[in-house]
Amino acid sequence: MRTLFLDSASREHSLALVEGQHTLLWESLPSLGDALLTHLEAALRKVKMAMQEITRIACVTGPGGFASIRTAVTAANTLAYALGVPAAGVHLSDIWAVRCSAFAKATCPSGWRAADRQVSGVRLQDRLLWLHSTKKTQLFVREFPAFGENFSEPILISLEEAKVLQGKYVGELLEEHKAALPGCLPLGRECIAPLEEILPGLVESLSFTKELILPWYGREP
């Protein structure tokens, strides 16, 4: 299976091509607007793949800017329809959850949930936060118990409400949000698997259908 992956929810927009257990190509994009098709065609040439060889499309559904999320989701739906292939959406926090749990499992392949096991000073039974800044006074939060089991749902809270949060976090925060949340410390990069490494497993876990992908904004426009 050859999967096209689009992400306009992260600050760094990206495009990737995945085949089987390998990420053939991952590229940062300046935007996912009108030039997306041009970028995609160039990416396909790099891996010597024809557009018609894409068999699935995965797209990050949010959260993110309304325009950027809408653009990527529309592009994914349009390409899926034109190529006659199934598509699937994935929430940004789910990607971060896999990146953290993949590292924990690889580092502690046996008994990695044990209370006495640690990864770079983070006990594996501790709760890990996913934080994502949206407006200057708001951010999304989600908890990852035991690096990926029994997730709670991502919710939008005010910066004032977030000030009580404590613990390690992954995600993308504005600098002013970082300063306002002294109890939240970033999880070390060494604890986070690169996106390119987890993409093959991630896309295999998704449910691809011929239904339209829907954007996830998590708040009113």
N, C-alpha and C. Protein backbone atom coordinates (compact mmCIF):
# COMPACT_ATOMS: atom_id res chain seq x y z
N MET A 1 0.84 -1.20 0.00
CA MET A 1 0.00 0.00 0.00
C MET A 1 0.89 1.26 0.00
N ARG A 2 0.51 2.22 -0.80
CA ARG A 2 1.25 3.48 -0.87
C ARG A 2 0.34 4.61 -0.39
N THR A 3 0.76 5.23 0.69
CA THR A 3 -0.07 6.21 1.38
C THR A 3 0.50 7.61 1.30
N LEU A 4 -0.34 8.56 0.94
CA LEU A 4 0.01 9.97 0.99
C LEU A 4 -0.45 10.51 2.34
N PHE A 5 0.44 11.21 3.05
CA PHE A 5 0.12 11.77 4.37
C PHE A 5 0.27 13.28 4.30
N LEU A 6 -0.75 14.00 4.77
CA LEU A 6 -0.75 15.47 4.78
C LEU A 6 -0.96 15.99 6.19
N ASP A 7 -0.18 17.00 6.56
CA ASP A 7 -0.32 17.62 7.89
C ASP A 7 -0.23 19.13 7.77
N SER A 8 -1.35 19.81 8.04
CA SER A 8 -1.35 21.27 8.07
C SER A 8 -1.73 21.77 9.46
N ALA A 9 -1.80 20.83 10.43
CA ALA A 9 -2.15 21.21 11.79
C ALA A 9 -0.92 21.62 12.59
N SER A 10 0.18 20.95 12.37
CA SER A 10 1.43 21.32 13.05
C SER A 10 1.92 22.64 12.50
N ARG A 11 2.76 23.33 13.28
CA ARG A 11 3.31 24.59 12.80
C ARG A 11 4.12 24.39 11.53
N GLU A 12 4.79 23.24 11.45
CA GLU A 12 5.55 22.92 10.25
C GLU A 12 4.69 22.00 9.38
N HIS A 13 4.08 22.57 8.35
CA HIS A 13 3.26 21.76 7.46
C HIS A 13 4.14 20.74 6.73
N SER A 14 3.57 19.57 6.47
CA SER A 14 4.39 18.54 5.86
C SER A 14 3.58 17.61 4.96
N LEU A 15 4.33 16.91 4.14
CA LEU A 15 3.79 15.91 3.21
C LEU A 15 4.70 14.70 3.30
N ALA A 16 4.12 13.52 3.29
CA ALA A 16 4.94 12.31 3.35
C ALA A 16 4.35 11.24 2.45
N LEU A 17 5.19 10.34 2.01
CA LEU A 17 4.78 9.19 1.22
C LEU A 17 5.27 7.94 1.93
N VAL A 18 4.36 7.03 2.20
CA VAL A 18 4.66 5.83 2.97
C VAL A 18 4.31 4.59 2.14
N GLU A 19 5.20 3.62 2.16
CA GLU A 19 4.93 2.35 1.49
C GLU A 19 5.32 1.22 2.43
N GLY A 20 4.36 0.39 2.77
CA GLY A 20 4.64 -0.73 3.66
C GLY A 20 5.18 -0.25 4.99
N GLN A 21 6.34 -0.74 5.37
CA GLN A 21 6.96 -0.38 6.64
C GLN A 21 7.99 0.74 6.50
N HIS A 22 7.94 1.48 5.40
CA HIS A 22 8.95 2.50 5.16
C HIS A 22 8.31 3.86 4.82
N THR A 23 8.89 4.91 5.37
CA THR A 23 8.55 6.27 4.96
C THR A 23 9.49 6.61 3.82
N LEU A 24 8.95 6.65 2.62
CA LEU A 24 9.78 6.89 1.44
C LEU A 24 10.28 8.32 1.39
N LEU A 25 9.45 9.25 1.87
CA LEU A 25 9.79 10.66 1.78
C LEU A 25 8.98 11.45 2.79
N TRP A 26 9.63 12.40 3.43
CA TRP A 26 8.94 13.35 4.31
C TRP A 26 9.51 14.72 3.98
N GLU A 27 8.62 15.69 3.73
CA GLU A 27 9.06 17.02 3.38
C GLU A 27 8.28 18.08 4.14
N SER A 28 9.00 19.09 4.60
CA SER A 28 8.35 20.26 5.19
C SER A 28 7.87 21.15 4.05
N LEU A 29 6.67 21.69 4.19
CA LEU A 29 6.10 22.52 3.13
C LEU A 29 5.88 23.94 3.61
N PRO A 30 6.09 24.92 2.75
CA PRO A 30 5.84 26.31 3.14
C PRO A 30 4.36 26.56 3.37
N SER A 31 3.51 25.81 2.70
CA SER A 31 2.07 25.94 2.86
C SER A 31 1.41 24.75 2.21
N LEU A 32 0.12 24.56 2.49
CA LEU A 32 -0.65 23.51 1.82
C LEU A 32 -1.78 24.17 1.04
N GLY A 33 -1.48 25.24 0.38
CA GLY A 33 -2.47 25.98 -0.39
C GLY A 33 -2.50 25.55 -1.85
N ASP A 34 -2.56 26.54 -2.73
CA ASP A 34 -2.68 26.26 -4.15
C ASP A 34 -1.50 25.49 -4.71
N ALA A 35 -0.34 25.59 -4.05
CA ALA A 35 0.86 24.93 -4.57
C ALA A 35 0.98 23.47 -4.14
N LEU A 36 -0.01 22.96 -3.42
CA LEU A 36 0.09 21.59 -2.91
C LEU A 36 0.30 20.58 -4.03
N LEU A 37 -0.47 20.68 -5.10
CA LEU A 37 -0.34 19.72 -6.19
C LEU A 37 1.06 19.77 -6.80
N THR A 38 1.62 20.96 -6.91
CA THR A 38 2.97 21.10 -7.44
C THR A 38 3.98 20.41 -6.54
N HIS A 39 3.84 20.63 -5.21
CA HIS A 39 4.74 19.97 -4.25
C HIS A 39 4.58 18.45 -4.30
N LEU A 40 3.34 17.99 -4.42
CA LEU A 40 3.09 16.55 -4.46
C LEU A 40 3.70 15.93 -5.71
N GLU A 41 3.53 16.56 -6.84
CA GLU A 41 4.10 16.03 -8.08
C GLU A 41 5.63 15.95 -7.99
N ALA A 42 6.24 16.98 -7.39
CA ALA A 42 7.70 16.98 -7.22
C ALA A 42 8.13 15.86 -6.28
N ALA A 43 7.36 15.65 -5.20
CA ALA A 43 7.69 14.59 -4.25
C ALA A 43 7.58 13.21 -4.91
N LEU A 44 6.56 13.02 -5.71
CA LEU A 44 6.37 11.74 -6.40
C LEU A 44 7.51 11.46 -7.36
N ARG A 45 8.00 12.50 -8.03
CA ARG A 45 9.12 12.30 -8.94
C ARG A 45 10.37 11.85 -8.18
N LYS A 46 10.56 12.37 -6.95
CA LYS A 46 11.74 12.02 -6.17
C LYS A 46 11.77 10.53 -5.82
N VAL A 47 10.60 9.95 -5.62
CA VAL A 47 10.54 8.52 -5.26
C VAL A 47 10.11 7.66 -6.45
N LYS A 48 10.07 8.29 -7.63
CA LYS A 48 9.73 7.59 -8.88
C LYS A 48 8.38 6.88 -8.76
N MET A 49 7.39 7.64 -8.33
CA MET A 49 6.04 7.12 -8.16
C MET A 49 5.06 7.97 -8.98
N ALA A 50 4.10 7.33 -9.60
CA ALA A 50 3.07 8.05 -10.34
C ALA A 50 1.91 8.38 -9.42
N MET A 51 1.20 9.45 -9.73
CA MET A 51 0.05 9.86 -8.91
C MET A 51 -0.95 8.71 -8.78
N GLN A 52 -1.13 7.96 -9.85
CA GLN A 52 -2.10 6.87 -9.86
C GLN A 52 -1.67 5.70 -8.98
N GLU A 53 -0.44 5.70 -8.51
CA GLU A 53 0.04 4.62 -7.65
C GLU A 53 -0.29 4.86 -6.18
N ILE A 54 -0.77 6.05 -5.84
CA ILE A 54 -1.21 6.31 -4.46
C ILE A 54 -2.45 5.47 -4.20
N THR A 55 -2.43 4.68 -3.14
CA THR A 55 -3.57 3.79 -2.86
C THR A 55 -4.39 4.23 -1.65
N ARG A 56 -3.85 5.14 -0.83
CA ARG A 56 -4.58 5.64 0.35
C ARG A 56 -4.12 7.06 0.65
N ILE A 57 -4.97 7.81 1.33
CA ILE A 57 -4.61 9.17 1.74
C ILE A 57 -4.97 9.36 3.21
N ALA A 58 -4.00 9.82 4.00
CA ALA A 58 -4.23 10.12 5.41
C ALA A 58 -3.99 11.61 5.63
N CYS A 59 -4.80 12.22 6.47
CA CYS A 59 -4.69 13.66 6.68
C CYS A 59 -4.94 13.99 8.15
N VAL A 60 -4.11 14.86 8.70
CA VAL A 60 -4.31 15.33 10.07
C VAL A 60 -5.51 16.27 10.06
N THR A 61 -6.48 16.00 10.91
CA THR A 61 -7.74 16.74 10.88
C THR A 61 -7.78 17.96 11.79
N GLY A 62 -6.79 18.11 12.68
CA GLY A 62 -6.78 19.25 13.58
C GLY A 62 -6.19 18.86 14.92
N PRO A 63 -6.13 19.83 15.82
CA PRO A 63 -6.56 21.22 15.67
C PRO A 63 -5.51 22.06 14.95
N GLY A 64 -5.91 23.24 14.55
CA GLY A 64 -5.00 24.14 13.85
C GLY A 64 -5.77 25.33 13.32
N GLY A 65 -5.14 26.11 12.47
CA GLY A 65 -5.82 27.25 11.89
C GLY A 65 -6.97 26.80 11.00
N PHE A 66 -8.07 27.55 11.04
CA PHE A 66 -9.24 27.15 10.27
C PHE A 66 -8.93 27.02 8.79
N ALA A 67 -8.22 28.00 8.23
CA ALA A 67 -7.92 27.99 6.80
C ALA A 67 -7.00 26.84 6.43
N SER A 68 -5.94 26.63 7.21
CA SER A 68 -4.98 25.58 6.88
C SER A 68 -5.58 24.19 7.01
N ILE A 69 -6.35 23.96 8.07
CA ILE A 69 -6.98 22.66 8.25
C ILE A 69 -7.98 22.39 7.13
N ARG A 70 -8.78 23.39 6.83
CA ARG A 70 -9.78 23.24 5.76
C ARG A 70 -9.11 22.95 4.42
N THR A 71 -7.99 23.62 4.16
CA THR A 71 -7.28 23.42 2.90
C THR A 71 -6.77 21.99 2.77
N ALA A 72 -6.12 21.49 3.81
CA ALA A 72 -5.56 20.14 3.76
C ALA A 72 -6.64 19.08 3.66
N VAL A 73 -7.69 19.21 4.46
CA VAL A 73 -8.76 18.22 4.44
C VAL A 73 -9.48 18.23 3.09
N THR A 74 -9.71 19.42 2.53
CA THR A 74 -10.34 19.51 1.21
C THR A 74 -9.46 18.88 0.15
N ALA A 75 -8.14 19.15 0.23
CA ALA A 75 -7.22 18.56 -0.73
C ALA A 75 -7.22 17.04 -0.63
N ALA A 76 -7.21 16.52 0.60
CA ALA A 76 -7.21 15.07 0.80
C ALA A 76 -8.49 14.45 0.24
N ASN A 77 -9.62 15.05 0.51
CA ASN A 77 -10.90 14.53 0.00
C ASN A 77 -10.97 14.60 -1.52
N THR A 78 -10.47 15.70 -2.08
CA THR A 78 -10.51 15.87 -3.53
C THR A 78 -9.62 14.85 -4.22
N LEU A 79 -8.41 14.66 -3.70
CA LEU A 79 -7.49 13.69 -4.29
C LEU A 79 -8.03 12.26 -4.14
N ALA A 80 -8.60 11.97 -2.99
CA ALA A 80 -9.15 10.62 -2.76
C ALA A 80 -10.27 10.33 -3.76
N TYR A 81 -11.10 11.33 -3.99
CA TYR A 81 -12.21 11.15 -4.95
C TYR A 81 -11.67 11.00 -6.37
N ALA A 82 -10.72 11.84 -6.74
CA ALA A 82 -10.18 11.81 -8.10
C ALA A 82 -9.45 10.50 -8.39
N LEU A 83 -8.75 9.97 -7.39
CA LEU A 83 -7.98 8.74 -7.57
C LEU A 83 -8.80 7.49 -7.28
N GLY A 84 -9.98 7.69 -6.66
CA GLY A 84 -10.82 6.56 -6.31
C GLY A 84 -10.24 5.70 -5.21
N VAL A 85 -9.58 6.36 -4.23
CA VAL A 85 -8.93 5.61 -3.14
C VAL A 85 -9.56 6.00 -1.80
N PRO A 86 -9.43 5.16 -0.78
CA PRO A 86 -9.96 5.49 0.54
C PRO A 86 -9.08 6.49 1.27
N ALA A 87 -9.66 7.14 2.26
CA ALA A 87 -8.93 8.14 3.03
C ALA A 87 -9.25 7.98 4.51
N ALA A 88 -8.40 8.58 5.35
CA ALA A 88 -8.61 8.52 6.80
C ALA A 88 -8.07 9.79 7.44
N GLY A 89 -8.74 10.24 8.48
CA GLY A 89 -8.27 11.38 9.25
C GLY A 89 -7.63 10.92 10.54
N VAL A 90 -6.72 11.74 11.07
CA VAL A 90 -6.07 11.42 12.34
C VAL A 90 -5.89 12.71 13.13
N HIS A 91 -6.19 12.66 14.41
CA HIS A 91 -6.05 13.84 15.27
C HIS A 91 -4.59 14.07 15.60
N LEU A 92 -4.19 15.33 15.68
CA LEU A 92 -2.79 15.67 15.95
C LEU A 92 -2.31 15.07 17.27
N SER A 93 -3.15 15.06 18.29
CA SER A 93 -2.72 14.51 19.58
C SER A 93 -2.47 13.01 19.49
N ASP A 94 -3.18 12.31 18.60
CA ASP A 94 -2.94 10.88 18.43
C ASP A 94 -1.54 10.62 17.88
N ILE A 95 -1.09 11.51 17.01
CA ILE A 95 0.26 11.37 16.45
C ILE A 95 1.30 11.53 17.55
N TRP A 96 1.12 12.54 18.41
CA TRP A 96 2.05 12.73 19.52
C TRP A 96 2.02 11.55 20.48
N ALA A 97 0.85 10.98 20.69
CA ALA A 97 0.74 9.83 21.59
C ALA A 97 1.55 8.65 21.06
N VAL A 98 1.46 8.41 19.76
CA VAL A 98 2.21 7.31 19.15
C VAL A 98 3.71 7.59 19.21
N ARG A 99 4.09 8.83 18.98
CA ARG A 99 5.52 9.16 19.00
C ARG A 99 6.12 8.92 20.39
N CYS A 100 5.35 9.17 21.44
CA CYS A 100 5.85 8.94 22.81
C CYS A 100 5.79 7.48 23.19
N SER A 101 4.69 6.80 22.86
CA SER A 101 4.55 5.40 23.25
C SER A 101 5.53 4.53 22.46
N ALA A 102 5.79 4.90 21.21
CA ALA A 102 6.74 4.13 20.40
C ALA A 102 8.12 4.16 21.03
N PHE A 103 8.52 5.32 21.54
CA PHE A 103 9.82 5.42 22.19
C PHE A 103 9.87 4.57 23.45
N ALA A 104 8.81 4.67 24.26
CA ALA A 104 8.79 3.93 25.53
C ALA A 104 8.87 2.43 25.29
N LYS A 105 8.14 1.94 24.30
CA LYS A 105 8.14 0.50 24.03
C LYS A 105 9.48 0.04 23.48
N ALA A 106 10.09 0.88 22.64
CA ALA A 106 11.38 0.51 22.07
C ALA A 106 12.48 0.52 23.12
N THR A 107 12.37 1.46 24.09
CA THR A 107 13.38 1.58 25.12
C THR A 107 13.23 0.50 26.19
N CYS A 108 12.00 0.17 26.52
CA CYS A 108 11.72 -0.84 27.55
C CYS A 108 10.83 -1.92 26.94
N PRO A 109 11.35 -2.79 26.08
CA PRO A 109 10.53 -3.75 25.37
C PRO A 109 9.79 -4.73 26.26
N SER A 110 10.30 -4.98 27.46
CA SER A 110 9.59 -5.89 28.36
C SER A 110 9.33 -5.17 29.68
N GLY A 111 8.10 -5.25 30.14
CA GLY A 111 7.73 -4.62 31.41
C GLY A 111 7.81 -3.11 31.39
N TRP A 112 7.54 -2.49 30.22
CA TRP A 112 7.73 -1.05 30.12
C TRP A 112 6.70 -0.26 30.89
N ARG A 113 5.63 -0.91 31.36
CA ARG A 113 4.64 -0.20 32.17
C ARG A 113 4.96 -0.27 33.67
N ALA A 114 5.99 -1.01 34.02
CA ALA A 114 6.32 -1.17 35.43
C ALA A 114 6.61 0.16 36.10
N ALA A 115 6.18 0.28 37.34
CA ALA A 115 6.30 1.56 38.05
C ALA A 115 7.74 1.99 38.27
N ASP A 116 8.66 1.02 38.30
CA ASP A 116 10.05 1.39 38.59
C ASP A 116 10.88 1.66 37.34
N ARG A 117 10.29 1.56 36.16
CA ARG A 117 11.03 1.84 34.94
C ARG A 117 10.98 3.32 34.63
N GLN A 118 12.08 3.87 34.13
CA GLN A 118 12.13 5.28 33.80
C GLN A 118 12.76 5.48 32.42
N VAL A 119 12.35 6.53 31.74
CA VAL A 119 12.93 6.94 30.47
C VAL A 119 13.35 8.39 30.62
N SER A 120 14.65 8.62 30.64
CA SER A 120 15.19 9.97 30.80
C SER A 120 14.55 10.70 31.98
N GLY A 121 14.38 9.99 33.08
CA GLY A 121 13.85 10.63 34.28
C GLY A 121 12.34 10.69 34.35
N VAL A 122 11.65 10.20 33.33
CA VAL A 122 10.18 10.21 33.34
C VAL A 122 9.70 8.81 33.66
N ARG A 123 9.01 8.65 34.77
CA ARG A 123 8.49 7.35 35.14
C ARG A 123 7.36 6.98 34.17
N LEU A 124 7.34 5.72 33.71
CA LEU A 124 6.41 5.35 32.66
C LEU A 124 4.96 5.28 33.12
N GLN A 125 4.72 5.30 34.42
CA GLN A 125 3.33 5.32 34.85
C GLN A 125 2.84 6.74 35.04
N ASP A 126 3.73 7.73 34.93
CA ASP A 126 3.33 9.13 35.09
C ASP A 126 2.47 9.57 33.92
N ARG A 127 1.64 10.57 34.18
CA ARG A 127 0.81 11.09 33.11
C ARG A 127 1.57 12.13 32.32
N LEU A 128 1.39 12.06 31.03
CA LEU A 128 2.05 12.96 30.11
C LEU A 128 1.00 13.83 29.44
N LEU A 129 1.27 15.12 29.32
CA LEU A 129 0.32 16.05 28.72
C LEU A 129 0.65 16.33 27.26
N TRP A 130 -0.37 16.49 26.47
CA TRP A 130 -0.23 17.06 25.12
C TRP A 130 -0.83 18.45 25.20
N LEU A 131 -0.05 19.46 24.83
CA LEU A 131 -0.49 20.85 24.88
C LEU A 131 -0.31 21.48 23.50
N HIS A 132 -1.30 22.24 23.08
CA HIS A 132 -1.25 22.86 21.76
C HIS A 132 -1.87 24.25 21.84
N SER A 133 -1.06 25.28 21.66
CA SER A 133 -1.56 26.65 21.71
C SER A 133 -2.46 26.94 20.52
N THR A 134 -3.52 27.67 20.78
CA THR A 134 -4.39 28.11 19.69
C THR A 134 -4.44 29.63 19.72
N LYS A 135 -5.36 30.21 20.45
CA LYS A 135 -5.37 31.66 20.60
C LYS A 135 -4.46 32.05 21.77
N LYS A 136 -4.20 33.35 21.92
CA LYS A 136 -3.29 33.79 22.98
C LYS A 136 -3.81 33.47 24.37
N THR A 137 -5.11 33.32 24.50
CA THR A 137 -5.69 33.05 25.81
C THR A 137 -6.25 31.64 25.94
N GLN A 138 -5.98 30.77 24.94
CA GLN A 138 -6.53 29.42 24.96
C GLN A 138 -5.52 28.40 24.45
N LEU A 139 -5.69 27.17 24.90
CA LEU A 139 -4.88 26.07 24.41
C LEU A 139 -5.63 24.77 24.57
N PHE A 140 -5.23 23.78 23.77
CA PHE A 140 -5.81 22.45 23.89
C PHE A 140 -4.95 21.61 24.82
N VAL A 141 -5.61 20.72 25.55
CA VAL A 141 -4.88 19.84 26.46
C VAL A 141 -5.47 18.44 26.38
N ARG A 142 -4.60 17.45 26.55
CA ARG A 142 -5.02 16.05 26.60
C ARG A 142 -4.02 15.32 27.48
N GLU A 143 -4.48 14.33 28.21
CA GLU A 143 -3.60 13.54 29.06
C GLU A 143 -3.32 12.19 28.44
N PHE A 144 -2.07 11.75 28.55
CA PHE A 144 -1.69 10.43 28.07
C PHE A 144 -1.30 9.56 29.27
N PRO A 145 -2.22 8.84 29.88
CA PRO A 145 -1.83 7.95 30.98
C PRO A 145 -1.00 6.80 30.44
N ALA A 146 0.07 6.48 31.15
CA ALA A 146 0.93 5.34 30.81
C ALA A 146 1.38 5.37 29.35
N PHE A 147 1.67 6.56 28.82
CA PHE A 147 2.16 6.72 27.44
C PHE A 147 1.24 6.09 26.41
N GLY A 148 -0.04 6.26 26.55
CA GLY A 148 -0.90 5.87 25.45
C GLY A 148 -2.03 4.91 25.74
N GLU A 149 -2.42 4.68 26.97
CA GLU A 149 -3.54 3.81 27.26
C GLU A 149 -4.65 4.64 27.91
N ASN A 150 -5.90 4.34 27.50
CA ASN A 150 -7.06 5.01 28.10
C ASN A 150 -6.96 6.53 28.01
N PHE A 151 -6.72 7.02 26.81
CA PHE A 151 -6.60 8.47 26.61
C PHE A 151 -7.89 9.18 27.00
N SER A 152 -7.75 10.37 27.56
CA SER A 152 -8.91 11.25 27.72
C SER A 152 -9.02 12.05 26.43
N GLU A 153 -10.14 12.69 26.22
CA GLU A 153 -10.36 13.45 25.00
C GLU A 153 -9.65 14.80 25.05
N PRO A 154 -9.17 15.31 23.91
CA PRO A 154 -8.58 16.65 23.89
C PRO A 154 -9.65 17.70 24.11
N ILE A 155 -9.34 18.70 24.95
CA ILE A 155 -10.31 19.75 25.22
C ILE A 155 -9.64 21.12 25.14
N LEU A 156 -10.44 22.14 24.92
CA LEU A 156 -9.95 23.51 24.86
C LEU A 156 -10.18 24.17 26.21
N ILE A 157 -9.11 24.76 26.78
CA ILE A 157 -9.24 25.44 28.06
C ILE A 157 -8.57 26.81 27.96
N SER A 158 -8.88 27.66 28.92
CA SER A 158 -8.26 28.99 28.94
C SER A 158 -6.86 28.90 29.52
N LEU A 159 -6.04 29.87 29.19
CA LEU A 159 -4.68 29.90 29.74
C LEU A 159 -4.73 29.99 31.25
N GLU A 160 -5.69 30.71 31.78
CA GLU A 160 -5.83 30.84 33.23
C GLU A 160 -6.11 29.48 33.85
N GLU A 161 -6.99 28.69 33.24
CA GLU A 161 -7.29 27.34 33.74
C GLU A 161 -6.07 26.44 33.65
N ALA A 162 -5.25 26.64 32.62
CA ALA A 162 -4.09 25.78 32.39
C ALA A 162 -2.98 25.99 33.40
N LYS A 163 -3.01 27.08 34.12
CA LYS A 163 -1.92 27.41 35.03
C LYS A 163 -1.76 26.40 36.17
N VAL A 164 -2.78 25.59 36.41
CA VAL A 164 -2.69 24.59 37.48
C VAL A 164 -2.06 23.30 36.99
N LEU A 165 -1.87 23.16 35.67
CA LEU A 165 -1.32 21.93 35.12
C LEU A 165 0.14 21.74 35.53
N GLN A 166 0.52 20.49 35.74
CA GLN A 166 1.90 20.17 36.10
C GLN A 166 2.31 18.88 35.42
N GLY A 167 3.58 18.78 35.08
CA GLY A 167 4.10 17.55 34.52
C GLY A 167 4.84 17.78 33.22
N LYS A 168 5.28 16.70 32.62
CA LYS A 168 5.96 16.75 31.33
C LYS A 168 4.91 16.91 30.23
N TYR A 169 5.32 17.56 29.13
CA TYR A 169 4.37 17.71 28.03
C TYR A 169 5.07 17.58 26.69
N VAL A 170 4.26 17.26 25.68
CA VAL A 170 4.69 17.30 24.28
C VAL A 170 3.69 18.19 23.55
N GLY A 171 4.04 18.62 22.35
CA GLY A 171 3.14 19.47 21.59
C GLY A 171 3.80 20.78 21.23
N GLU A 172 2.99 21.76 20.90
CA GLU A 172 3.49 23.05 20.44
C GLU A 172 2.84 24.18 21.23
N LEU A 173 3.65 24.93 21.96
CA LEU A 173 3.16 26.03 22.78
C LEU A 173 3.78 27.34 22.33
N LEU A 174 2.99 28.41 22.40
CA LEU A 174 3.53 29.74 22.20
C LEU A 174 4.50 30.05 23.33
N GLU A 175 5.48 30.91 23.06
CA GLU A 175 6.46 31.26 24.09
C GLU A 175 5.80 31.85 25.33
N GLU A 176 4.77 32.70 25.13
CA GLU A 176 4.09 33.29 26.28
C GLU A 176 3.32 32.25 27.09
N HIS A 177 2.87 31.19 26.42
CA HIS A 177 2.20 30.11 27.14
C HIS A 177 3.20 29.31 27.96
N LYS A 178 4.37 29.07 27.39
CA LYS A 178 5.41 28.36 28.14
C LYS A 178 5.75 29.12 29.42
N ALA A 179 5.88 30.44 29.30
CA ALA A 179 6.23 31.25 30.46
C ALA A 179 5.13 31.26 31.50
N ALA A 180 3.88 31.11 31.05
CA ALA A 180 2.74 31.17 31.96
C ALA A 180 2.45 29.83 32.63
N LEU A 181 3.13 28.76 32.19
CA LEU A 181 2.88 27.42 32.74
C LEU A 181 4.17 26.85 33.35
N PRO A 182 4.61 27.41 34.46
CA PRO A 182 5.88 26.96 35.06
C PRO A 182 5.85 25.52 35.54
N GLY A 183 4.67 24.96 35.75
CA GLY A 183 4.58 23.57 36.21
C GLY A 183 4.69 22.55 35.09
N CYS A 184 4.74 23.02 33.84
CA CYS A 184 4.80 22.12 32.70
C CYS A 184 6.18 22.20 32.04
N LEU A 185 6.85 21.09 31.96
CA LEU A 185 8.18 21.02 31.37
C LEU A 185 8.16 20.14 30.13
N PRO A 186 8.85 20.55 29.07
CA PRO A 186 8.83 19.75 27.84
C PRO A 186 9.52 18.41 28.02
N LEU A 187 8.93 17.38 27.44
CA LEU A 187 9.56 16.07 27.43
C LEU A 187 10.77 16.14 26.52
N GLY A 188 11.87 15.56 26.93
CA GLY A 188 13.09 15.61 26.15
C GLY A 188 12.92 15.01 24.76
N ARG A 189 13.61 15.59 23.79
CA ARG A 189 13.53 15.09 22.42
C ARG A 189 13.93 13.62 22.32
N GLU A 190 14.82 13.20 23.22
CA GLU A 190 15.28 11.81 23.17
C GLU A 190 14.17 10.83 23.54
N CYS A 191 13.08 11.34 24.08
CA CYS A 191 11.94 10.50 24.46
C CYS A 191 10.85 10.48 23.39
N ILE A 192 11.06 11.19 22.30
CA ILE A 192 10.03 11.32 21.26
C ILE A 192 10.54 10.73 19.95
N ALA A 193 9.85 9.74 19.45
CA ALA A 193 10.26 9.11 18.19
C ALA A 193 10.02 10.06 17.03
N PRO A 194 10.93 10.13 16.06
CA PRO A 194 10.72 10.97 14.88
C PRO A 194 9.45 10.57 14.13
N LEU A 195 8.78 11.56 13.56
CA LEU A 195 7.55 11.30 12.83
C LEU A 195 7.77 10.28 11.71
N GLU A 196 8.89 10.40 11.01
CA GLU A 196 9.15 9.50 9.89
C GLU A 196 9.19 8.04 10.34
N GLU A 197 9.62 7.80 11.58
CA GLU A 197 9.75 6.43 12.07
C GLU A 197 8.40 5.81 12.42
N ILE A 198 7.48 6.62 12.92
CA ILE A 198 6.21 6.05 13.37
C ILE A 198 5.13 6.09 12.31
N LEU A 199 5.35 6.81 11.21
CA LEU A 199 4.31 6.96 10.19
C LEU A 199 3.82 5.63 9.61
N PRO A 200 4.71 4.69 9.24
CA PRO A 200 4.21 3.43 8.69
C PRO A 200 3.23 2.72 9.63
N GLY A 201 3.60 2.61 10.90
CA GLY A 201 2.71 1.96 11.86
C GLY A 201 1.45 2.76 12.10
N LEU A 202 1.58 4.09 12.11
CA LEU A 202 0.43 4.94 12.33
C LEU A 202 -0.61 4.78 11.23
N VAL A 203 -0.18 4.86 9.97
CA VAL A 203 -1.15 4.77 8.88
C VAL A 203 -1.81 3.39 8.84
N GLU A 204 -1.07 2.35 9.24
CA GLU A 204 -1.66 1.01 9.26
C GLU A 204 -2.74 0.89 10.33
N SER A 205 -2.68 1.72 11.35
CA SER A 205 -3.66 1.65 12.44
C SER A 205 -4.95 2.40 12.12
N LEU A 206 -4.95 3.19 11.05
CA LEU A 206 -6.11 4.01 10.72
C LEU A 206 -7.16 3.20 9.96
N SER A 207 -8.39 3.68 10.02
CA SER A 207 -9.49 3.05 9.29
C SER A 207 -9.78 3.86 8.03
N PHE A 208 -9.40 3.33 6.89
CA PHE A 208 -9.58 4.03 5.62
C PHE A 208 -10.94 3.67 5.02
N THR A 209 -11.68 4.69 4.59
CA THR A 209 -12.99 4.48 3.99
C THR A 209 -13.16 5.43 2.81
N LYS A 210 -14.26 5.29 2.10
CA LYS A 210 -14.58 6.18 1.00
C LYS A 210 -15.39 7.38 1.48
N GLU A 211 -15.58 7.51 2.79
CA GLU A 211 -16.31 8.64 3.36
C GLU A 211 -15.41 9.87 3.43
N LEU A 212 -16.03 11.06 3.44
CA LEU A 212 -15.27 12.30 3.51
C LEU A 212 -14.57 12.43 4.86
N ILE A 213 -13.34 12.93 4.85
CA ILE A 213 -12.65 13.28 6.08
C ILE A 213 -13.25 14.59 6.59
N LEU A 214 -13.48 14.68 7.87
CA LEU A 214 -14.04 15.90 8.47
C LEU A 214 -12.98 16.61 9.30
N PRO A 215 -12.88 17.92 9.19
CA PRO A 215 -11.91 18.68 10.00
C PRO A 215 -12.31 18.69 11.46
N TRP A 216 -11.33 18.79 12.35
CA TRP A 216 -11.58 18.88 13.79
C TRP A 216 -11.01 20.20 14.27
N TYR A 217 -11.90 21.11 14.65
CA TYR A 217 -11.46 22.43 15.11
C TYR A 217 -11.43 22.53 16.64
N GLY A 218 -12.35 21.80 17.29
CA GLY A 218 -12.38 21.80 18.74
C GLY A 218 -12.89 23.08 19.37
N ARG A 219 -13.37 24.00 18.52
CA ARG A 219 -13.91 25.27 19.02
C ARG A 219 -14.76 25.90 17.92
N GLU A 220 -15.50 26.91 18.29
CA GLU A 220 -16.34 27.59 17.32
C GLU A 220 -15.47 28.46 16.41
N PRO A 221 -15.83 28.62 15.11
CA PRO A 221 -15.07 29.49 14.21
C PRO A 221 -15.01 30.90 14.74
